[in-house]
Amino acid sequence: MILALALSPGPAAALDDVVMEAARALLATYHEDPAKLDRARDALTASVQRDPQPATLALLARTWFLIGDQGRRGAVEAPISLDLAL
């Protein structure tokens, strides 16, 4: 029984599934309203901060690619700084 509880997805996993589906829906129709890219990015970023799953990270990367492909900066005002420890 303990193993079953440990392996069952918790509320965070269910929430992340909802976020992923909502983000996919936004990305499928972003051409109708480019602000959908910003909403998808924000939702996916929050999801990754809670639980960085590979599928969520990949969809977030795709969202950033689409934002760049559209030649827009969206709500991001400042350039992204990379903290490179060399």
Protein backbone atom coordinates (compact mmCIF):
# COMPACT_ATOMS: atom_id res chain seq x y z
CA MET A 1 0.00 0.00 0.00
CA ILE A 2 2.81 2.40 0.81
CA LEU A 3 4.43 1.67 -2.55
CA ALA A 4 1.15 2.41 -4.34
CA LEU A 5 0.89 5.75 -2.56
CA ALA A 6 4.48 6.59 -3.37
CA LEU A 7 4.02 5.79 -7.06
CA SER A 8 0.67 7.52 -7.51
CA PRO A 9 0.85 11.00 -9.00
CA GLY A 10 0.15 13.70 -6.50
CA PRO A 11 -1.79 16.94 -6.86
CA ALA A 12 1.27 18.71 -8.30
CA ALA A 13 1.53 16.17 -11.12
CA ALA A 14 -2.16 16.57 -11.92
CA LEU A 15 -1.76 20.35 -11.96
CA ASP A 16 1.26 20.06 -14.26
CA ASP A 17 -0.78 17.89 -16.65
CA VAL A 18 -3.45 20.60 -16.77
CA VAL A 19 -0.79 23.25 -17.38
CA MET A 20 0.75 21.19 -20.20
CA GLU A 21 -2.61 20.72 -21.95
CA ALA A 22 -3.48 24.41 -21.57
CA ALA A 23 -0.06 25.43 -22.92
CA ARG A 24 -0.42 23.09 -25.90
CA ALA A 25 -3.82 24.62 -26.67
CA LEU A 26 -2.37 28.14 -26.46
CA LEU A 27 0.55 27.23 -28.72
CA ALA A 28 -1.75 25.63 -31.28
CA THR A 29 -3.55 28.93 -31.79
CA TYR A 30 -0.94 31.56 -30.94
CA HIS A 31 -1.13 32.93 -34.49
CA GLU A 32 -4.63 34.22 -33.65
CA ASP A 33 -3.34 36.16 -30.63
CA PRO A 34 0.44 36.44 -30.07
CA ALA A 35 -0.16 37.19 -26.37
CA LYS A 36 -0.97 33.48 -26.00
CA LEU A 37 2.76 32.82 -26.24
CA ASP A 38 3.33 34.93 -23.15
CA ARG A 39 0.57 33.14 -21.23
CA ALA A 40 1.97 29.74 -22.21
CA ARG A 41 5.49 30.80 -21.24
CA ASP A 42 4.36 32.09 -17.84
CA ALA A 43 2.35 28.96 -17.03
CA LEU A 44 5.13 26.62 -18.12
CA THR A 45 7.78 28.60 -16.23
CA ALA A 46 5.74 28.33 -13.02
CA SER A 47 5.27 24.60 -13.62
CA VAL A 48 9.00 24.07 -14.18
CA GLN A 49 9.80 25.95 -10.98
CA ARG A 50 7.49 23.58 -9.04
CA ASP A 51 8.69 20.37 -10.69
CA PRO A 52 11.15 20.44 -13.62
CA GLN A 53 9.94 17.55 -15.78
CA PRO A 54 11.58 16.93 -19.20
CA ALA A 55 8.32 17.24 -21.15
CA THR A 56 7.54 20.57 -19.50
CA LEU A 57 11.05 21.86 -20.14
CA ALA A 58 10.82 20.82 -23.80
CA LEU A 59 7.49 22.61 -24.25
CA LEU A 60 8.90 25.70 -22.53
CA ALA A 61 11.88 25.62 -24.92
CA ARG A 62 9.48 25.34 -27.87
CA THR A 63 7.53 28.33 -26.52
CA TRP A 64 10.70 30.42 -26.30
CA PHE A 65 11.60 29.35 -29.84
CA LEU A 66 8.21 30.51 -31.10
CA ILE A 67 8.59 33.82 -29.27
CA GLY A 68 11.96 34.34 -30.92
CA ASP A 69 10.64 33.17 -34.27
CA GLN A 70 7.90 35.77 -34.09
CA GLY A 71 10.57 38.40 -33.56
CA ARG A 72 8.93 39.62 -30.44
CA ARG A 73 10.07 40.08 -26.91
CA GLY A 74 6.64 39.88 -25.29
CA ALA A 75 6.59 40.87 -21.66
CA VAL A 76 10.33 40.36 -21.24
CA GLU A 77 11.74 43.86 -20.98
CA ALA A 78 15.33 43.19 -20.03
CA PRO A 79 17.73 40.96 -21.90
CA ILE A 80 18.38 37.58 -20.36
CA SER A 81 21.70 37.45 -18.55
CA LEU A 82 23.58 34.20 -18.52
CA ASP A 83 25.50 33.42 -15.37
CA LEU A 84 28.43 31.50 -16.76
CA ALA A 85 30.81 30.11 -14.20
CA LEU A 86 33.90 29.32 -16.20
